[in-house]
Each structure stands twice: as C-alpha cells, then as structure tokens.
N, C-alpha and C. Protein backbone atom coordinates (compact mmCIF):
# COMPACT_ATOMS: atom_id res chain seq x y z
N MET A 1 36.79 -4.97 4.24
CA MET A 1 36.12 -6.15 4.75
C MET A 1 36.89 -6.76 5.93
N ALA A 2 38.16 -6.41 6.09
CA ALA A 2 39.03 -7.03 7.08
C ALA A 2 38.52 -6.86 8.51
N ARG A 3 37.88 -5.75 8.84
CA ARG A 3 37.45 -5.49 10.21
C ARG A 3 36.06 -6.02 10.52
N GLN A 4 35.33 -6.48 9.54
CA GLN A 4 33.99 -7.00 9.78
C GLN A 4 34.06 -8.36 10.46
N PRO A 5 33.06 -8.67 11.29
CA PRO A 5 32.97 -10.01 11.84
C PRO A 5 32.77 -11.04 10.71
N ALA A 6 33.17 -12.27 10.97
CA ALA A 6 33.09 -13.33 9.96
C ALA A 6 31.67 -13.48 9.41
N ARG A 7 30.66 -13.39 10.27
CA ARG A 7 29.27 -13.55 9.80
C ARG A 7 28.94 -12.49 8.74
N GLU A 8 29.32 -11.25 9.00
CA GLU A 8 29.04 -10.18 8.03
C GLU A 8 29.80 -10.40 6.73
N LYS A 9 31.06 -10.82 6.84
CA LYS A 9 31.85 -11.11 5.63
C LYS A 9 31.19 -12.23 4.82
N LEU A 10 30.75 -13.27 5.50
CA LEU A 10 30.11 -14.40 4.81
C LEU A 10 28.80 -13.97 4.15
N LEU A 11 28.00 -13.18 4.86
CA LEU A 11 26.73 -12.71 4.28
C LEU A 11 26.96 -11.80 3.07
N LYS A 12 27.94 -10.93 3.18
CA LYS A 12 28.25 -10.04 2.05
C LYS A 12 28.72 -10.85 0.85
N ALA A 13 29.62 -11.78 1.08
CA ALA A 13 30.13 -12.63 -0.01
C ALA A 13 29.02 -13.47 -0.61
N ALA A 14 28.22 -14.08 0.25
CA ALA A 14 27.11 -14.92 -0.24
C ALA A 14 26.14 -14.07 -1.04
N GLY A 15 25.81 -12.88 -0.53
CA GLY A 15 24.88 -12.01 -1.23
C GLY A 15 25.37 -11.65 -2.63
N GLU A 16 26.64 -11.32 -2.74
CA GLU A 16 27.20 -10.98 -4.05
C GLU A 16 27.18 -12.18 -4.99
N LEU A 17 27.63 -13.32 -4.50
CA LEU A 17 27.70 -14.52 -5.35
C LEU A 17 26.33 -15.07 -5.68
N PHE A 18 25.43 -15.13 -4.70
CA PHE A 18 24.08 -15.64 -4.96
C PHE A 18 23.39 -14.77 -5.99
N TYR A 19 23.54 -13.46 -5.87
CA TYR A 19 22.88 -12.57 -6.82
C TYR A 19 23.52 -12.67 -8.21
N ASP A 20 24.84 -12.65 -8.27
CA ASP A 20 25.53 -12.62 -9.56
C ASP A 20 25.52 -13.96 -10.29
N HIS A 21 25.56 -15.07 -9.55
CA HIS A 21 25.71 -16.39 -10.20
C HIS A 21 24.58 -17.36 -9.90
N GLY A 22 23.76 -17.04 -8.94
CA GLY A 22 22.69 -17.94 -8.54
C GLY A 22 23.06 -18.72 -7.29
N ILE A 23 22.07 -19.15 -6.57
CA ILE A 23 22.28 -19.86 -5.32
C ILE A 23 22.79 -21.27 -5.58
N VAL A 24 22.14 -21.97 -6.48
CA VAL A 24 22.53 -23.36 -6.76
C VAL A 24 23.93 -23.43 -7.34
N ALA A 25 24.29 -22.47 -8.18
CA ALA A 25 25.60 -22.47 -8.83
C ALA A 25 26.73 -22.03 -7.90
N THR A 26 26.39 -21.48 -6.76
CA THR A 26 27.40 -20.97 -5.83
C THR A 26 27.65 -21.98 -4.72
N GLY A 27 28.85 -22.49 -4.69
CA GLY A 27 29.22 -23.44 -3.65
C GLY A 27 29.71 -22.75 -2.39
N ILE A 28 29.71 -23.50 -1.32
CA ILE A 28 30.19 -23.00 -0.03
C ILE A 28 31.65 -22.55 -0.12
N ASP A 29 32.47 -23.30 -0.85
CA ASP A 29 33.89 -22.94 -0.97
C ASP A 29 34.07 -21.57 -1.62
N ALA A 30 33.22 -21.27 -2.61
CA ALA A 30 33.30 -19.95 -3.26
C ALA A 30 32.95 -18.84 -2.28
N VAL A 31 31.96 -19.08 -1.43
CA VAL A 31 31.56 -18.08 -0.43
C VAL A 31 32.69 -17.85 0.56
N ILE A 32 33.28 -18.94 1.03
CA ILE A 32 34.39 -18.85 1.99
C ILE A 32 35.56 -18.10 1.38
N SER A 33 35.89 -18.43 0.14
CA SER A 33 37.01 -17.78 -0.54
C SER A 33 36.74 -16.29 -0.71
N ARG A 34 35.55 -15.94 -1.18
CA ARG A 34 35.21 -14.52 -1.39
C ARG A 34 35.23 -13.76 -0.07
N ALA A 35 34.76 -14.41 1.01
CA ALA A 35 34.70 -13.76 2.32
C ALA A 35 36.08 -13.65 2.96
N GLY A 36 37.00 -14.51 2.53
CA GLY A 36 38.34 -14.48 3.11
C GLY A 36 38.38 -14.96 4.56
N VAL A 37 37.56 -15.97 4.85
CA VAL A 37 37.51 -16.52 6.21
C VAL A 37 37.82 -18.01 6.16
N ALA A 38 38.07 -18.57 7.32
CA ALA A 38 38.31 -20.00 7.43
C ALA A 38 36.99 -20.75 7.29
N LYS A 39 37.07 -21.99 6.79
CA LYS A 39 35.88 -22.80 6.60
C LYS A 39 35.09 -22.95 7.91
N MET A 40 35.81 -23.07 9.01
CA MET A 40 35.14 -23.23 10.31
C MET A 40 34.29 -22.02 10.64
N SER A 41 34.68 -20.83 10.15
CA SER A 41 33.88 -19.62 10.40
C SER A 41 32.49 -19.76 9.82
N LEU A 42 32.40 -20.40 8.68
CA LEU A 42 31.08 -20.60 8.06
C LEU A 42 30.21 -21.44 8.98
N TYR A 43 30.75 -22.57 9.42
CA TYR A 43 29.96 -23.49 10.23
C TYR A 43 29.75 -22.99 11.66
N ASN A 44 30.56 -22.05 12.11
CA ASN A 44 30.31 -21.43 13.41
C ASN A 44 29.16 -20.43 13.34
N ASN A 45 28.86 -19.95 12.14
CA ASN A 45 27.82 -18.94 11.95
C ASN A 45 26.55 -19.47 11.30
N PHE A 46 26.67 -20.49 10.48
CA PHE A 46 25.53 -21.05 9.76
C PHE A 46 25.62 -22.57 9.80
N LYS A 47 24.53 -23.22 10.14
CA LYS A 47 24.53 -24.69 10.25
C LYS A 47 24.60 -25.37 8.89
N SER A 48 24.13 -24.66 7.85
CA SER A 48 24.06 -25.26 6.52
C SER A 48 23.98 -24.16 5.47
N LYS A 49 24.09 -24.56 4.22
CA LYS A 49 23.93 -23.61 3.13
C LYS A 49 22.50 -23.06 3.15
N SER A 50 21.55 -23.90 3.48
CA SER A 50 20.16 -23.47 3.56
C SER A 50 19.99 -22.34 4.57
N GLU A 51 20.66 -22.43 5.71
CA GLU A 51 20.59 -21.37 6.71
C GLU A 51 21.26 -20.09 6.19
N LEU A 52 22.34 -20.24 5.44
CA LEU A 52 23.01 -19.09 4.83
C LEU A 52 22.08 -18.43 3.81
N VAL A 53 21.37 -19.24 3.02
CA VAL A 53 20.42 -18.71 2.04
C VAL A 53 19.31 -17.94 2.75
N ALA A 54 18.79 -18.51 3.84
CA ALA A 54 17.73 -17.84 4.61
C ALA A 54 18.22 -16.50 5.15
N ALA A 55 19.46 -16.46 5.62
CA ALA A 55 20.03 -15.21 6.13
C ALA A 55 20.20 -14.21 4.99
N TYR A 56 20.59 -14.68 3.81
CA TYR A 56 20.71 -13.82 2.63
C TYR A 56 19.36 -13.19 2.29
N ILE A 57 18.31 -14.00 2.29
CA ILE A 57 16.97 -13.51 1.97
C ILE A 57 16.54 -12.47 3.00
N ASP A 58 16.78 -12.75 4.27
CA ASP A 58 16.43 -11.78 5.31
C ASP A 58 17.22 -10.48 5.15
N ALA A 59 18.51 -10.60 4.85
CA ALA A 59 19.35 -9.41 4.69
C ALA A 59 18.90 -8.59 3.48
N ARG A 60 18.56 -9.27 2.40
CA ARG A 60 18.10 -8.57 1.18
C ARG A 60 16.79 -7.84 1.47
N HIS A 61 15.91 -8.50 2.20
CA HIS A 61 14.63 -7.89 2.57
C HIS A 61 14.87 -6.65 3.44
N GLN A 62 15.73 -6.77 4.43
CA GLN A 62 16.02 -5.63 5.31
C GLN A 62 16.68 -4.49 4.53
N GLU A 63 17.51 -4.84 3.60
CA GLU A 63 18.16 -3.83 2.75
C GLU A 63 17.10 -3.02 2.01
N TRP A 64 16.09 -3.70 1.46
CA TRP A 64 15.03 -2.99 0.74
C TRP A 64 14.22 -2.14 1.71
N LEU A 65 13.87 -2.70 2.88
CA LEU A 65 13.12 -1.92 3.86
C LEU A 65 13.86 -0.64 4.24
N ASN A 66 15.17 -0.74 4.37
CA ASN A 66 15.98 0.45 4.70
C ASN A 66 15.93 1.47 3.57
N LEU A 67 16.00 1.00 2.33
CA LEU A 67 15.89 1.91 1.18
C LEU A 67 14.52 2.59 1.17
N TYR A 68 13.49 1.80 1.44
CA TYR A 68 12.13 2.37 1.46
C TYR A 68 11.99 3.41 2.57
N GLU A 69 12.50 3.09 3.74
CA GLU A 69 12.40 4.04 4.86
C GLU A 69 13.12 5.34 4.52
N LYS A 70 14.29 5.21 3.90
CA LYS A 70 15.04 6.41 3.51
C LYS A 70 14.24 7.24 2.50
N ARG A 71 13.58 6.57 1.57
CA ARG A 71 12.81 7.27 0.54
C ARG A 71 11.50 7.85 1.06
N SER A 72 10.87 7.17 2.02
CA SER A 72 9.52 7.55 2.41
C SER A 72 9.42 8.30 3.73
N GLY A 73 10.47 8.28 4.52
CA GLY A 73 10.43 8.79 5.88
C GLY A 73 9.84 10.17 6.07
N GLU A 74 10.12 11.08 5.20
CA GLU A 74 9.65 12.46 5.35
C GLU A 74 8.51 12.84 4.41
N LEU A 75 7.98 11.88 3.68
CA LEU A 75 6.94 12.21 2.71
C LEU A 75 5.61 12.46 3.41
N PRO A 76 4.84 13.45 2.93
CA PRO A 76 3.66 13.90 3.67
C PRO A 76 2.40 13.06 3.50
N ASN A 77 2.34 12.19 2.48
CA ASN A 77 1.07 11.47 2.30
C ASN A 77 1.29 10.09 1.69
N GLY A 78 0.23 9.28 1.78
CA GLY A 78 0.28 7.91 1.30
C GLY A 78 0.56 7.79 -0.19
N TRP A 79 0.06 8.71 -0.97
CA TRP A 79 0.28 8.69 -2.42
C TRP A 79 1.78 8.73 -2.70
N GLU A 80 2.46 9.69 -2.10
CA GLU A 80 3.90 9.81 -2.32
C GLU A 80 4.67 8.62 -1.75
N ARG A 81 4.17 8.08 -0.62
CA ARG A 81 4.85 6.93 -0.02
C ARG A 81 4.68 5.67 -0.87
N VAL A 82 3.56 5.54 -1.58
CA VAL A 82 3.40 4.41 -2.51
C VAL A 82 4.42 4.56 -3.64
N LEU A 83 4.56 5.76 -4.16
CA LEU A 83 5.53 5.98 -5.24
C LEU A 83 6.96 5.76 -4.74
N ALA A 84 7.19 5.97 -3.45
CA ALA A 84 8.51 5.71 -2.86
C ALA A 84 8.85 4.22 -2.87
N VAL A 85 7.83 3.37 -2.90
CA VAL A 85 8.08 1.92 -3.04
C VAL A 85 8.81 1.67 -4.36
N PHE A 86 8.34 2.30 -5.43
CA PHE A 86 9.00 2.17 -6.73
C PHE A 86 10.41 2.74 -6.68
N ASP A 87 10.55 3.88 -6.00
CA ASP A 87 11.87 4.51 -5.90
C ASP A 87 12.86 3.61 -5.17
N ALA A 88 12.40 2.94 -4.12
CA ALA A 88 13.28 2.03 -3.39
C ALA A 88 13.69 0.85 -4.27
N TYR A 89 12.77 0.34 -5.07
CA TYR A 89 13.12 -0.72 -6.01
C TYR A 89 14.10 -0.20 -7.06
N GLN A 90 13.90 1.02 -7.50
CA GLN A 90 14.83 1.64 -8.45
C GLN A 90 16.22 1.74 -7.83
N ASP A 91 16.29 2.16 -6.57
CA ASP A 91 17.58 2.24 -5.89
C ASP A 91 18.26 0.88 -5.87
N HIS A 92 17.50 -0.17 -5.58
CA HIS A 92 18.05 -1.53 -5.57
C HIS A 92 18.56 -1.90 -6.97
N ALA A 93 17.82 -1.52 -7.98
CA ALA A 93 18.19 -1.86 -9.36
C ALA A 93 19.47 -1.16 -9.79
N GLU A 94 19.76 -0.03 -9.19
CA GLU A 94 20.92 0.76 -9.61
C GLU A 94 22.16 0.52 -8.76
N PHE A 95 22.12 -0.49 -7.88
CA PHE A 95 23.34 -0.86 -7.16
C PHE A 95 24.42 -1.22 -8.16
N ASP A 96 25.64 -1.19 -7.74
CA ASP A 96 26.77 -1.54 -8.60
C ASP A 96 27.00 -3.06 -8.53
N TYR A 97 26.18 -3.81 -9.25
CA TYR A 97 26.29 -5.27 -9.25
C TYR A 97 27.45 -5.69 -10.13
N GLU A 98 28.17 -6.69 -9.69
CA GLU A 98 29.37 -7.17 -10.41
C GLU A 98 29.07 -7.56 -11.85
N ASN A 99 27.97 -8.26 -12.07
CA ASN A 99 27.61 -8.69 -13.43
C ASN A 99 26.37 -7.99 -13.95
N GLY A 100 26.06 -6.82 -13.41
CA GLY A 100 24.90 -6.08 -13.86
C GLY A 100 23.63 -6.49 -13.14
N PHE A 101 22.60 -5.72 -13.35
CA PHE A 101 21.31 -5.95 -12.70
C PHE A 101 20.62 -7.15 -13.33
N ARG A 102 20.19 -8.10 -12.49
CA ARG A 102 19.54 -9.34 -12.96
C ARG A 102 18.10 -9.44 -12.48
N GLY A 103 17.51 -8.34 -12.05
CA GLY A 103 16.15 -8.40 -11.54
C GLY A 103 16.13 -8.51 -10.03
N CYS A 104 14.98 -8.77 -9.50
CA CYS A 104 14.79 -8.87 -8.06
C CYS A 104 15.55 -10.07 -7.51
N GLY A 105 16.48 -9.81 -6.62
CA GLY A 105 17.28 -10.88 -6.03
C GLY A 105 16.43 -11.89 -5.28
N LEU A 106 15.34 -11.44 -4.69
CA LEU A 106 14.47 -12.36 -3.96
C LEU A 106 13.69 -13.25 -4.92
N LEU A 107 13.18 -12.68 -6.00
CA LEU A 107 12.48 -13.52 -6.98
C LEU A 107 13.45 -14.49 -7.66
N ASN A 108 14.67 -14.04 -7.90
CA ASN A 108 15.69 -14.94 -8.46
C ASN A 108 15.93 -16.10 -7.51
N ALA A 109 16.04 -15.80 -6.22
CA ALA A 109 16.26 -16.86 -5.22
C ALA A 109 15.08 -17.82 -5.19
N ALA A 110 13.87 -17.28 -5.20
CA ALA A 110 12.67 -18.12 -5.16
C ALA A 110 12.60 -19.04 -6.37
N ALA A 111 13.02 -18.55 -7.52
CA ALA A 111 12.96 -19.34 -8.74
C ALA A 111 13.87 -20.57 -8.67
N GLU A 112 14.89 -20.51 -7.84
CA GLU A 112 15.82 -21.64 -7.72
C GLU A 112 15.39 -22.66 -6.67
N MET A 113 14.41 -22.34 -5.87
CA MET A 113 14.03 -23.18 -4.74
C MET A 113 12.79 -24.02 -5.05
N PRO A 114 12.66 -25.17 -4.40
CA PRO A 114 11.45 -25.99 -4.58
C PRO A 114 10.19 -25.23 -4.18
N ALA A 115 9.08 -25.63 -4.74
CA ALA A 115 7.81 -24.91 -4.59
C ALA A 115 7.42 -24.63 -3.14
N ASN A 116 7.59 -25.55 -2.25
CA ASN A 116 7.12 -25.36 -0.87
C ASN A 116 8.26 -25.14 0.13
N SER A 117 9.39 -24.70 -0.36
CA SER A 117 10.56 -24.54 0.51
C SER A 117 10.43 -23.35 1.44
N ILE A 118 11.18 -23.39 2.53
CA ILE A 118 11.15 -22.26 3.46
C ILE A 118 11.74 -21.01 2.82
N GLU A 119 12.67 -21.20 1.88
CA GLU A 119 13.26 -20.05 1.20
C GLU A 119 12.20 -19.31 0.37
N ARG A 120 11.37 -20.06 -0.35
CA ARG A 120 10.31 -19.43 -1.14
C ARG A 120 9.29 -18.77 -0.22
N GLN A 121 9.01 -19.39 0.91
CA GLN A 121 8.08 -18.80 1.88
C GLN A 121 8.64 -17.48 2.41
N ALA A 122 9.95 -17.42 2.62
CA ALA A 122 10.57 -16.18 3.10
C ALA A 122 10.47 -15.08 2.05
N VAL A 123 10.65 -15.44 0.79
CA VAL A 123 10.50 -14.45 -0.29
C VAL A 123 9.05 -13.98 -0.36
N ASN A 124 8.12 -14.92 -0.26
CA ASN A 124 6.71 -14.55 -0.29
C ASN A 124 6.37 -13.62 0.87
N LYS A 125 6.96 -13.86 2.03
CA LYS A 125 6.74 -12.99 3.19
C LYS A 125 7.16 -11.56 2.85
N HIS A 126 8.31 -11.41 2.19
CA HIS A 126 8.76 -10.07 1.79
C HIS A 126 7.77 -9.42 0.83
N LYS A 127 7.34 -10.17 -0.17
CA LYS A 127 6.42 -9.61 -1.16
C LYS A 127 5.10 -9.22 -0.51
N LEU A 128 4.64 -10.02 0.45
CA LEU A 128 3.41 -9.68 1.17
C LEU A 128 3.60 -8.43 2.02
N GLU A 129 4.79 -8.26 2.58
CA GLU A 129 5.04 -7.05 3.37
C GLU A 129 5.04 -5.81 2.48
N VAL A 130 5.60 -5.92 1.29
CA VAL A 130 5.56 -4.79 0.35
C VAL A 130 4.11 -4.48 -0.01
N LYS A 131 3.33 -5.52 -0.27
CA LYS A 131 1.92 -5.32 -0.61
C LYS A 131 1.18 -4.66 0.56
N THR A 132 1.50 -5.06 1.77
CA THR A 132 0.88 -4.47 2.96
C THR A 132 1.23 -2.98 3.07
N ILE A 133 2.47 -2.66 2.76
CA ILE A 133 2.89 -1.25 2.78
C ILE A 133 2.07 -0.45 1.76
N VAL A 134 1.97 -0.98 0.55
CA VAL A 134 1.21 -0.30 -0.51
C VAL A 134 -0.24 -0.10 -0.08
N LYS A 135 -0.84 -1.17 0.44
CA LYS A 135 -2.25 -1.08 0.85
C LYS A 135 -2.44 -0.10 2.00
N ARG A 136 -1.55 -0.12 2.97
CA ARG A 136 -1.64 0.80 4.12
C ARG A 136 -1.58 2.25 3.65
N GLU A 137 -0.67 2.53 2.73
CA GLU A 137 -0.51 3.91 2.25
C GLU A 137 -1.70 4.33 1.38
N LEU A 138 -2.20 3.44 0.55
CA LEU A 138 -3.37 3.76 -0.28
C LEU A 138 -4.61 3.98 0.59
N ALA A 139 -4.70 3.23 1.69
CA ALA A 139 -5.86 3.34 2.57
C ALA A 139 -5.96 4.73 3.21
N GLU A 140 -4.86 5.45 3.26
CA GLU A 140 -4.85 6.81 3.80
C GLU A 140 -5.53 7.81 2.87
N LEU A 141 -5.63 7.46 1.61
CA LEU A 141 -6.10 8.41 0.60
C LEU A 141 -7.63 8.43 0.51
N PRO A 142 -8.20 9.57 0.11
CA PRO A 142 -9.65 9.67 -0.05
C PRO A 142 -10.09 9.08 -1.39
N LEU A 143 -10.06 7.76 -1.48
CA LEU A 143 -10.44 7.08 -2.73
C LEU A 143 -11.92 7.32 -3.02
N THR A 144 -12.26 7.55 -4.29
CA THR A 144 -13.66 7.76 -4.64
C THR A 144 -14.48 6.50 -4.41
N GLU A 145 -13.85 5.35 -4.54
CA GLU A 145 -14.51 4.07 -4.28
C GLU A 145 -13.65 3.28 -3.30
N PRO A 146 -13.82 3.50 -2.01
CA PRO A 146 -12.98 2.83 -1.01
C PRO A 146 -13.02 1.31 -1.09
N ASP A 147 -14.13 0.77 -1.60
CA ASP A 147 -14.24 -0.69 -1.73
C ASP A 147 -13.25 -1.25 -2.76
N ASN A 148 -12.68 -0.39 -3.58
CA ASN A 148 -11.71 -0.82 -4.60
C ASN A 148 -10.27 -0.77 -4.10
N LEU A 149 -10.07 -0.57 -2.81
CA LEU A 149 -8.72 -0.51 -2.25
C LEU A 149 -7.93 -1.77 -2.58
N GLY A 150 -8.52 -2.93 -2.41
CA GLY A 150 -7.83 -4.19 -2.70
C GLY A 150 -7.43 -4.29 -4.16
N GLN A 151 -8.32 -3.91 -5.05
CA GLN A 151 -8.03 -3.97 -6.47
C GLN A 151 -6.93 -2.98 -6.86
N LEU A 152 -6.99 -1.78 -6.33
CA LEU A 152 -5.96 -0.78 -6.61
C LEU A 152 -4.60 -1.26 -6.09
N THR A 153 -4.60 -1.84 -4.92
CA THR A 153 -3.36 -2.40 -4.36
C THR A 153 -2.79 -3.46 -5.29
N GLU A 154 -3.65 -4.35 -5.75
CA GLU A 154 -3.21 -5.41 -6.69
C GLU A 154 -2.60 -4.80 -7.95
N HIS A 155 -3.26 -3.83 -8.52
CA HIS A 155 -2.78 -3.21 -9.75
C HIS A 155 -1.41 -2.56 -9.55
N VAL A 156 -1.26 -1.83 -8.45
CA VAL A 156 0.02 -1.18 -8.17
C VAL A 156 1.12 -2.23 -7.97
N CYS A 157 0.80 -3.29 -7.25
CA CYS A 157 1.80 -4.34 -7.01
C CYS A 157 2.14 -5.11 -8.30
N PHE A 158 1.16 -5.32 -9.16
CA PHE A 158 1.45 -5.95 -10.45
C PHE A 158 2.39 -5.08 -11.27
N LEU A 159 2.14 -3.78 -11.27
CA LEU A 159 3.04 -2.86 -11.98
C LEU A 159 4.46 -2.93 -11.40
N LEU A 160 4.53 -2.94 -10.09
CA LEU A 160 5.83 -2.99 -9.41
C LEU A 160 6.58 -4.27 -9.76
N GLU A 161 5.96 -5.42 -9.55
CA GLU A 161 6.64 -6.70 -9.79
C GLU A 161 6.92 -6.92 -11.28
N GLY A 162 5.99 -6.52 -12.11
CA GLY A 162 6.22 -6.65 -13.56
C GLY A 162 7.38 -5.80 -14.02
N SER A 163 7.46 -4.60 -13.50
CA SER A 163 8.53 -3.70 -13.93
C SER A 163 9.89 -4.17 -13.46
N ILE A 164 9.96 -4.71 -12.26
CA ILE A 164 11.26 -5.17 -11.75
C ILE A 164 11.70 -6.41 -12.52
N SER A 165 10.75 -7.27 -12.89
CA SER A 165 11.09 -8.45 -13.69
C SER A 165 11.55 -8.03 -15.08
N LEU A 166 10.81 -7.15 -15.71
CA LEU A 166 11.17 -6.66 -17.04
C LEU A 166 12.51 -5.94 -17.01
N ALA A 167 12.74 -5.14 -15.98
CA ALA A 167 14.00 -4.41 -15.86
C ALA A 167 15.18 -5.39 -15.80
N GLY A 168 15.01 -6.48 -15.06
CA GLY A 168 16.08 -7.47 -14.97
C GLY A 168 16.29 -8.23 -16.25
N LEU A 169 15.22 -8.60 -16.92
CA LEU A 169 15.33 -9.36 -18.17
C LEU A 169 15.91 -8.55 -19.31
N SER A 170 15.50 -7.29 -19.39
CA SER A 170 15.89 -6.46 -20.54
C SER A 170 17.04 -5.51 -20.24
N ALA A 171 17.56 -5.56 -19.02
CA ALA A 171 18.61 -4.63 -18.58
C ALA A 171 18.16 -3.18 -18.78
N ASP A 172 16.88 -2.95 -18.50
CA ASP A 172 16.29 -1.62 -18.65
C ASP A 172 15.70 -1.20 -17.31
N THR A 173 16.53 -0.65 -16.45
CA THR A 173 16.04 -0.27 -15.12
C THR A 173 15.05 0.89 -15.17
N HIS A 174 14.97 1.56 -16.30
CA HIS A 174 14.00 2.65 -16.44
C HIS A 174 12.56 2.12 -16.51
N ALA A 175 12.41 0.80 -16.70
CA ALA A 175 11.07 0.20 -16.69
C ALA A 175 10.39 0.46 -15.35
N ILE A 176 11.17 0.52 -14.29
CA ILE A 176 10.60 0.76 -12.96
C ILE A 176 10.02 2.16 -12.89
N GLN A 177 10.71 3.14 -13.47
CA GLN A 177 10.20 4.52 -13.46
C GLN A 177 8.96 4.65 -14.35
N ARG A 178 8.93 3.91 -15.45
CA ARG A 178 7.73 3.94 -16.30
C ARG A 178 6.54 3.35 -15.55
N ALA A 179 6.77 2.28 -14.81
CA ALA A 179 5.69 1.68 -14.02
C ALA A 179 5.26 2.62 -12.90
N ARG A 180 6.22 3.34 -12.33
CA ARG A 180 5.91 4.33 -11.29
C ARG A 180 4.96 5.39 -11.86
N THR A 181 5.22 5.85 -13.08
CA THR A 181 4.36 6.84 -13.73
C THR A 181 2.96 6.28 -13.93
N MET A 182 2.87 5.00 -14.33
CA MET A 182 1.56 4.36 -14.51
C MET A 182 0.82 4.25 -13.17
N ALA A 183 1.55 3.89 -12.12
CA ALA A 183 0.94 3.79 -10.79
C ALA A 183 0.45 5.15 -10.32
N ASP A 184 1.22 6.17 -10.59
CA ASP A 184 0.84 7.54 -10.23
C ASP A 184 -0.49 7.90 -10.89
N LYS A 185 -0.63 7.56 -12.17
CA LYS A 185 -1.88 7.86 -12.89
C LYS A 185 -3.04 7.04 -12.34
N LEU A 186 -2.79 5.78 -12.03
CA LEU A 186 -3.84 4.93 -11.44
C LEU A 186 -4.37 5.53 -10.13
N ILE A 187 -3.43 5.96 -9.30
CA ILE A 187 -3.82 6.55 -8.02
C ILE A 187 -4.62 7.83 -8.26
N GLU A 188 -4.13 8.66 -9.15
CA GLU A 188 -4.82 9.92 -9.44
C GLU A 188 -6.24 9.66 -9.92
N GLN A 189 -6.43 8.65 -10.76
CA GLN A 189 -7.76 8.32 -11.28
C GLN A 189 -8.69 7.76 -10.20
N SER A 190 -8.11 7.28 -9.12
CA SER A 190 -8.89 6.67 -8.05
C SER A 190 -9.34 7.66 -6.99
N LEU A 191 -8.90 8.91 -7.12
CA LEU A 191 -9.24 9.92 -6.12
C LEU A 191 -10.43 10.76 -6.56
C-alpha cells in the first residue's frame, strides 16, 4: 500500500471498513488509520465522509463491472452472458473479506442511508445498470414470446438479488450458483 497515492489508500481502507463494519459504524479516524495517511490527505481528496461514501459506491460498482467484463468478454451469446452476471456476483462473494461475506456491499450501504439520499440513488443506478445488462443480453435471444422480455428480465434479476441477499445472510455463497441454475432453466424455457 506504501506506493499507492493517498486517494487510493483511503478508498481501499474505506472499502474494507465500510464493508466489514458498516458505513455508519466506521469513523473517519479509522479510515485514516487503516490507510496510513495524514488526516489532511483525507480532506485533500474528499470534502466529506459523504463524498468518500459516494466514491466507495462508485468503486464497488466499477469493481463488479470489471468482474463481469472478465467473465463475459469472450462469451458467444446473450444466454451465456446473462449467466456471467451470476458468475461475476459469485466472484465478488468469494473475495477474501476480513470478516467474511456479508452480502452485496452496495445493498448493505443503501440499507444504512436515508430513503432519498444520493448514496441510495447511486446504489439504485448500479442495480439498474445490471438489469439493463440482463435485458440487453436476453433481447439477443430468440424468445418464443418476445413480449415477455421485461418479465423474464425481472425474474432473472429477482433470482440474482435474492440469491446474493440469501448468500450474505446465511453465509452460503453457493446460493448464487443455485440461482444461476434456476435462471438457466428459465431462459431455456423461454426459447
């Protein structure tokens, strides 16, 4: 961590602490200490804790997009790329978290924020982008009932979000793979 710029150190430290202990429970001093930077470094990079939280949400979202791209980049069709969405979530679930997997870091963050906060809106933006990816990939397929594209997208996304929540609550990351199998069958039945 010594060679990273202060901003990267702060984001890494905040990401670990926010995920492991929660955003509200994590103070600025803990982030500074974990990052090993001077207090002024925090304020030179982020105007407030809220700005640090927003950067954490953006970084977490980009991290998932990178996992998805790695999983889906060479896949030949939309069906496989939809299943790669589950695989990318599985990859996220299997990171080496300090206190174990606690579910979707973005949903955890949203749960701590007020209903109309910009942080919750940022999380919703991520979830909508995932849904858009699923819908785009499903739209490539020769569905027997193309008018059901929206419904199929909803079902796949419900399986995805439900499995990631269940995996976090029950410490059973295999729930994501079981949901992937269900999504695979749903898609097959729709062709």
